Amino acid sequence: MEDYLRTVGEEIALDDESALDPRYSNTGRLHPAIGKLQMSYTKDDPPPTRVKPIPLPLVAHAVAAYHHSNQFIQALMDLIIIAFFFLLRPGEHSYDKKENHPFQLQDVSFQTPTGTTNAAIISDAELLLATKVHLQFTNQKNGVKGEHITHGDNAEELLSPLKAVRR
């Protein structure tokens, strides 16, 4: 809000050089009403607390168990990798009775040298040639529908978003 007030005040002052910036009183101080308004904003809406990111070595340690023979554990390790690379806000994509928007196979596509193919119809041969994976977010809190997040392959055998989605 402060930036908006500053922009409006500066614009008025630029348009009419004889006009004073309306944010300030005759004495040159910020108008008391604006000061009180800004103080009320800081009390009502405190800045969000920062969430520390998950360190990559922690994810690497978790997926070190990937070579386990249990297919359930292998799938779980792939989901950890996918969550790390694609889902920075895990609660946003988890089940909830009111707003349930889970990923579906149709939300995933792979980029190959010949083009982009949806995961629902891609052949095994094309899948092996894929160089990038795209996840489409059909509904997000920020209101952007249909946004894609893309990750390419890397040299890692396990910690690769493309290989995890491919598996």
C-alpha atoms as a PDB file:
ATOM      1  CA  MET A   1       0.000   0.000   0.000  1.00  0.00           C
ATOM      2  CA  GLU A   2       2.863   2.344   0.817  1.00  0.00           C
ATOM      3  CA  ASP A   3       4.303   1.879  -2.693  1.00  0.00           C
ATOM      4  CA  TYR A   4       0.916   2.661  -4.216  1.00  0.00           C
ATOM      5  CA  LEU A   5       0.592   5.871  -2.166  1.00  0.00           C
ATOM      6  CA  ARG A   6       4.128   6.905  -3.087  1.00  0.00           C
ATOM      7  CA  THR A   7       3.450   6.313  -6.798  1.00  0.00           C
ATOM      8  CA  VAL A   8       0.206   8.306  -6.731  1.00  0.00           C
ATOM      9  CA  GLY A   9       1.806  11.154  -4.771  1.00  0.00           C
ATOM     10  CA  GLU A  10       4.814  11.357  -7.079  1.00  0.00           C
ATOM     11  CA  GLU A  11       2.570  11.247 -10.144  1.00  0.00           C
ATOM     12  CA  ILE A  12       0.483  14.164  -8.870  1.00  0.00           C
ATOM     13  CA  ALA A  13       3.631  16.165  -8.104  1.00  0.00           C
ATOM     14  CA  LEU A  14       5.050  15.437 -11.584  1.00  0.00           C
ATOM     15  CA  ASP A  15       1.835  16.368 -13.410  1.00  0.00           C
ATOM     16  CA  ASP A  16       1.508  19.728 -11.703  1.00  0.00           C
ATOM     17  CA  GLU A  17       4.828  21.170 -10.527  1.00  0.00           C
ATOM     18  CA  SER A  18       3.041  23.662  -8.286  1.00  0.00           C
ATOM     19  CA  ALA A  19       1.124  20.869  -6.533  1.00  0.00           C
ATOM     20  CA  LEU A  20       2.551  19.395  -3.385  1.00  0.00           C
ATOM     21  CA  ASP A  21       2.806  15.680  -2.784  1.00  0.00           C
ATOM     22  CA  PRO A  22      -0.518  14.896  -1.064  1.00  0.00           C
ATOM     23  CA  ARG A  23       1.139  12.385   1.259  1.00  0.00           C
ATOM     24  CA  TYR A  24       2.824  15.190   3.151  1.00  0.00           C
ATOM     25  CA  SER A  25       1.422  17.982   5.289  1.00  0.00           C
ATOM     26  CA  ASN A  26       2.359  21.662   4.882  1.00  0.00           C
ATOM     27  CA  THR A  27       5.307  21.124   7.245  1.00  0.00           C
ATOM     28  CA  GLY A  28       6.804  18.467   4.967  1.00  0.00           C
ATOM     29  CA  ARG A  29       6.045  15.552   7.282  1.00  0.00           C
ATOM     30  CA  LEU A  30       4.037  12.504   6.342  1.00  0.00           C
ATOM     31  CA  HIS A  31       0.372  13.258   6.866  1.00  0.00           C
ATOM     32  CA  PRO A  32      -0.722  11.813  10.255  1.00  0.00           C
ATOM     33  CA  ALA A  33      -3.680   9.932   8.759  1.00  0.00           C
ATOM     34  CA  ILE A  34      -1.403   8.124   6.300  1.00  0.00           C
ATOM     35  CA  GLY A  35       1.057   7.320   9.066  1.00  0.00           C
ATOM     36  CA  LYS A  36      -1.720   5.793  11.189  1.00  0.00           C
ATOM     37  CA  LEU A  37      -3.028   3.846   8.204  1.00  0.00           C
ATOM     38  CA  GLN A  38       0.404   2.392   7.509  1.00  0.00           C
ATOM     39  CA  MET A  39       0.862   1.459  11.175  1.00  0.00           C
ATOM     40  CA  SER A  40      -2.487  -0.346  11.173  1.00  0.00           C
ATOM     41  CA  TYR A  41      -1.381  -2.379   8.133  1.00  0.00           C
ATOM     42  CA  THR A  42       1.767  -3.560   9.889  1.00  0.00           C
ATOM     43  CA  LYS A  43      -0.264  -4.656  12.927  1.00  0.00           C
ATOM     44  CA  ASP A  44      -3.017  -6.418  10.958  1.00  0.00           C
ATOM     45  CA  ASP A  45      -0.856  -8.286   8.475  1.00  0.00           C
ATOM     46  CA  PRO A  46       2.567  -9.181   9.841  1.00  0.00           C
ATOM     47  CA  PRO A  47       5.178 -10.338   7.341  1.00  0.00           C
ATOM     48  CA  PRO A  48       5.215 -14.086   6.756  1.00  0.00           C
ATOM     49  CA  THR A  49       7.802 -16.102   8.588  1.00  0.00           C
ATOM     50  CA  ARG A  50      10.386 -17.640   6.310  1.00  0.00           C
ATOM     51  CA  VAL A  51      10.402 -21.384   5.955  1.00  0.00           C
ATOM     52  CA  LYS A  52      13.822 -22.927   5.711  1.00  0.00           C
ATOM     53  CA  PRO A  53      14.292 -24.946   2.528  1.00  0.00           C
ATOM     54  CA  ILE A  54      14.925 -28.666   2.681  1.00  0.00           C
ATOM     55  CA  PRO A  55      18.638 -29.256   2.111  1.00  0.00           C
ATOM     56  CA  LEU A  56      19.477 -31.451  -0.882  1.00  0.00           C
ATOM     57  CA  PRO A  57      21.802 -33.724   1.186  1.00  0.00           C
ATOM     58  CA  LEU A  58      18.775 -34.662   3.315  1.00  0.00           C
ATOM     59  CA  VAL A  59      16.880 -35.746   0.201  1.00  0.00           C
ATOM     60  CA  ALA A  60      19.972 -37.594  -1.056  1.00  0.00           C
ATOM     61  CA  HIS A  61      20.224 -39.448   2.257  1.00  0.00           C
ATOM     62  CA  ALA A  62      16.530 -40.390   2.094  1.00  0.00           C
ATOM     63  CA  VAL A  63      16.769 -41.772  -1.436  1.00  0.00           C
ATOM     64  CA  ALA A  64      19.953 -43.717  -0.651  1.00  0.00           C
ATOM     65  CA  ALA A  65      17.526 -46.456   0.381  1.00  0.00           C
ATOM     66  CA  TYR A  66      16.283 -46.550  -3.228  1.00  0.00           C
ATOM     67  CA  HIS A  67      18.207 -49.712  -4.050  1.00  0.00           C
ATOM     68  CA  HIS A  68      15.884 -51.571  -1.716  1.00  0.00           C
ATOM     69  CA  SER A  69      14.125 -54.473  -3.388  1.00  0.00           C
ATOM     70  CA  ASN A  70      10.692 -53.419  -2.104  1.00  0.00           C
ATOM     71  CA  GLN A  71       8.798 -51.682  -4.952  1.00  0.00           C
ATOM     72  CA  PHE A  72       6.701 -49.681  -2.486  1.00  0.00           C
ATOM     73  CA  ILE A  73       9.857 -48.147  -0.971  1.00  0.00           C
ATOM     74  CA  GLN A  74      11.240 -47.453  -4.445  1.00  0.00           C
ATOM     75  CA  ALA A  75       8.026 -45.619  -5.392  1.00  0.00           C
ATOM     76  CA  LEU A  76       8.140 -43.693  -2.130  1.00  0.00           C
ATOM     77  CA  MET A  77      11.701 -42.554  -2.881  1.00  0.00           C
ATOM     78  CA  ASP A  78      10.611 -41.336  -6.316  1.00  0.00           C
ATOM     79  CA  LEU A  79       7.748 -39.390  -4.719  1.00  0.00           C
ATOM     80  CA  ILE A  80      10.209 -37.732  -2.337  1.00  0.00           C
ATOM     81  CA  ILE A  81      12.326 -36.627  -5.309  1.00  0.00           C
ATOM     82  CA  ILE A  82       9.280 -35.364  -7.236  1.00  0.00           C
ATOM     83  CA  ALA A  83       8.029 -33.476  -4.178  1.00  0.00           C
ATOM     84  CA  PHE A  84      11.437 -31.867  -3.666  1.00  0.00           C
ATOM     85  CA  PHE A  85      11.751 -30.630  -7.244  1.00  0.00           C
ATOM     86  CA  PHE A  86       8.130 -29.803  -8.070  1.00  0.00           C
ATOM     87  CA  LEU A  87       6.076 -29.320  -4.913  1.00  0.00           C
ATOM     88  CA  LEU A  88       7.664 -26.652  -2.781  1.00  0.00           C
ATOM     89  CA  ARG A  89       4.427 -26.292  -0.810  1.00  0.00           C
ATOM     90  CA  PRO A  90       3.434 -29.887  -0.142  1.00  0.00           C
ATOM     91  CA  GLY A  91       0.218 -28.978   1.689  1.00  0.00           C
ATOM     92  CA  GLU A  92      -1.062 -27.209  -1.412  1.00  0.00           C
ATOM     93  CA  HIS A  93      -1.279 -30.466  -3.368  1.00  0.00           C
ATOM     94  CA  SER A  94      -2.308 -32.916  -0.678  1.00  0.00           C
ATOM     95  CA  TYR A  95      -5.788 -34.234  -0.033  1.00  0.00           C
ATOM     96  CA  ASP A  96      -8.275 -31.913   1.587  1.00  0.00           C
ATOM     97  CA  LYS A  97     -12.038 -32.342   1.660  1.00  0.00           C
ATOM     98  CA  LYS A  98     -12.821 -28.911   0.168  1.00  0.00           C
ATOM     99  CA  GLU A  99     -10.016 -28.299  -2.335  1.00  0.00           C
ATOM    100  CA  ASN A 100      -8.687 -31.538  -3.793  1.00  0.00           C
ATOM    101  CA  HIS A 101      -6.509 -31.074  -6.904  1.00  0.00           C
ATOM    102  CA  PRO A 102      -4.209 -34.099  -7.082  1.00  0.00           C
ATOM    103  CA  PHE A 103      -1.924 -34.635 -10.051  1.00  0.00           C
ATOM    104  CA  GLN A 104      -3.216 -36.967 -12.707  1.00  0.00           C
ATOM    105  CA  LEU A 105      -1.369 -38.708 -15.513  1.00  0.00           C
ATOM    106  CA  GLN A 106      -2.819 -36.172 -17.976  1.00  0.00           C
ATOM    107  CA  ASP A 107      -1.019 -33.383 -16.042  1.00  0.00           C
ATOM    108  CA  VAL A 108       2.399 -34.829 -16.946  1.00  0.00           C
ATOM    109  CA  SER A 109       4.172 -34.578 -20.279  1.00  0.00           C
ATOM    110  CA  PHE A 110       7.657 -35.393 -21.526  1.00  0.00           C
ATOM    111  CA  GLN A 111       9.777 -33.469 -23.998  1.00  0.00           C
ATOM    112  CA  THR A 112      11.710 -35.559 -26.506  1.00  0.00           C
ATOM    113  CA  PRO A 113      13.851 -34.525 -29.482  1.00  0.00           C
ATOM    114  CA  THR A 114      10.770 -34.933 -31.703  1.00  0.00           C
ATOM    115  CA  GLY A 115       8.350 -32.923 -29.526  1.00  0.00           C
ATOM    116  CA  THR A 116       6.284 -32.983 -26.351  1.00  0.00           C
ATOM    117  CA  THR A 117       4.078 -35.977 -25.570  1.00  0.00           C
ATOM    118  CA  ASN A 118       1.533 -36.445 -22.809  1.00  0.00           C
ATOM    119  CA  ALA A 119       2.421 -39.147 -20.286  1.00  0.00           C
ATOM    120  CA  ALA A 120      -0.915 -40.874 -20.874  1.00  0.00           C
ATOM    121  CA  ILE A 121       0.024 -41.744 -24.479  1.00  0.00           C
ATOM    122  CA  ILE A 122       3.839 -41.731 -24.596  1.00  0.00           C
ATOM    123  CA  SER A 123       5.525 -44.907 -25.836  1.00  0.00           C
ATOM    124  CA  ASP A 124       8.296 -46.635 -23.913  1.00  0.00           C
ATOM    125  CA  ALA A 125      10.791 -45.735 -26.656  1.00  0.00           C
ATOM    126  CA  GLU A 126       9.857 -42.019 -26.493  1.00  0.00           C
ATOM    127  CA  LEU A 127       9.998 -42.117 -22.698  1.00  0.00           C
ATOM    128  CA  LEU A 128      13.599 -43.301 -22.792  1.00  0.00           C
ATOM    129  CA  LEU A 129      14.491 -40.412 -25.146  1.00  0.00           C
ATOM    130  CA  ALA A 130      12.851 -37.754 -22.948  1.00  0.00           C
ATOM    131  CA  THR A 131      15.082 -34.855 -21.908  1.00  0.00           C
ATOM    132  CA  LYS A 132      12.571 -32.820 -19.863  1.00  0.00           C
ATOM    133  CA  VAL A 133       9.441 -33.428 -17.820  1.00  0.00           C
ATOM    134  CA  HIS A 134       6.553 -30.943 -17.466  1.00  0.00           C
ATOM    135  CA  LEU A 135       3.989 -30.964 -14.656  1.00  0.00           C
ATOM    136  CA  GLN A 136       0.881 -28.868 -15.237  1.00  0.00           C
ATOM    137  CA  PHE A 137      -0.680 -27.250 -12.183  1.00  0.00           C
ATOM    138  CA  THR A 138      -4.380 -27.140 -13.017  1.00  0.00           C
ATOM    139  CA  ASN A 139      -5.329 -24.976 -10.043  1.00  0.00           C
ATOM    140  CA  GLN A 140      -3.128 -22.927  -7.729  1.00  0.00           C
ATOM    141  CA  LYS A 141      -3.586 -20.560  -4.817  1.00  0.00           C
ATOM    142  CA  ASN A 142      -2.133 -17.673  -6.843  1.00  0.00           C
ATOM    143  CA  GLY A 143      -4.971 -18.040  -9.365  1.00  0.00           C
ATOM    144  CA  VAL A 144      -2.753 -19.033 -12.307  1.00  0.00           C
ATOM    145  CA  LYS A 145      -4.397 -22.006 -13.966  1.00  0.00           C
ATOM    146  CA  GLY A 146      -2.538 -24.349 -16.271  1.00  0.00           C
ATOM    147  CA  GLU A 147       0.964 -23.227 -15.282  1.00  0.00           C
ATOM    148  CA  HIS A 148       3.759 -25.679 -16.129  1.00  0.00           C
ATOM    149  CA  ILE A 149       6.887 -26.428 -14.147  1.00  0.00           C
ATOM    150  CA  THR A 150       9.634 -28.034 -16.206  1.00  0.00           C
ATOM    151  CA  HIS A 151      12.768 -29.836 -15.104  1.00  0.00           C
ATOM    152  CA  GLY A 152      15.433 -31.358 -17.285  1.00  0.00           C
ATOM    153  CA  ASP A 153      17.602 -34.371 -16.709  1.00  0.00           C
ATOM    154  CA  ASN A 154      20.828 -34.254 -14.758  1.00  0.00           C
ATOM    155  CA  ALA A 155      23.800 -36.558 -14.313  1.00  0.00           C
ATOM    156  CA  GLU A 156      22.443 -37.995 -11.062  1.00  0.00           C
ATOM    157  CA  GLU A 157      21.113 -41.517 -11.308  1.00  0.00           C
ATOM    158  CA  LEU A 158      18.647 -41.150  -8.425  1.00  0.00           C
ATOM    159  CA  LEU A 159      18.226 -37.416  -7.719  1.00  0.00           C
ATOM    160  CA  SER A 160      16.906 -36.564 -11.159  1.00  0.00           C
ATOM    161  CA  PRO A 161      13.377 -35.169 -11.441  1.00  0.00           C
ATOM    162  CA  LEU A 162      13.027 -36.551 -14.977  1.00  0.00           C
ATOM    163  CA  LYS A 163      14.164 -40.043 -14.015  1.00  0.00           C
ATOM    164  CA  ALA A 164      11.947 -40.068 -10.902  1.00  0.00           C
ATOM    165  CA  VAL A 165       8.834 -39.170 -12.911  1.00  0.00           C
ATOM    166  CA  ARG A 166       9.848 -41.583 -15.666  1.00  0.00           C
ATOM    167  CA  ARG A 167      10.193 -44.462 -13.174  1.00  0.00           C
END
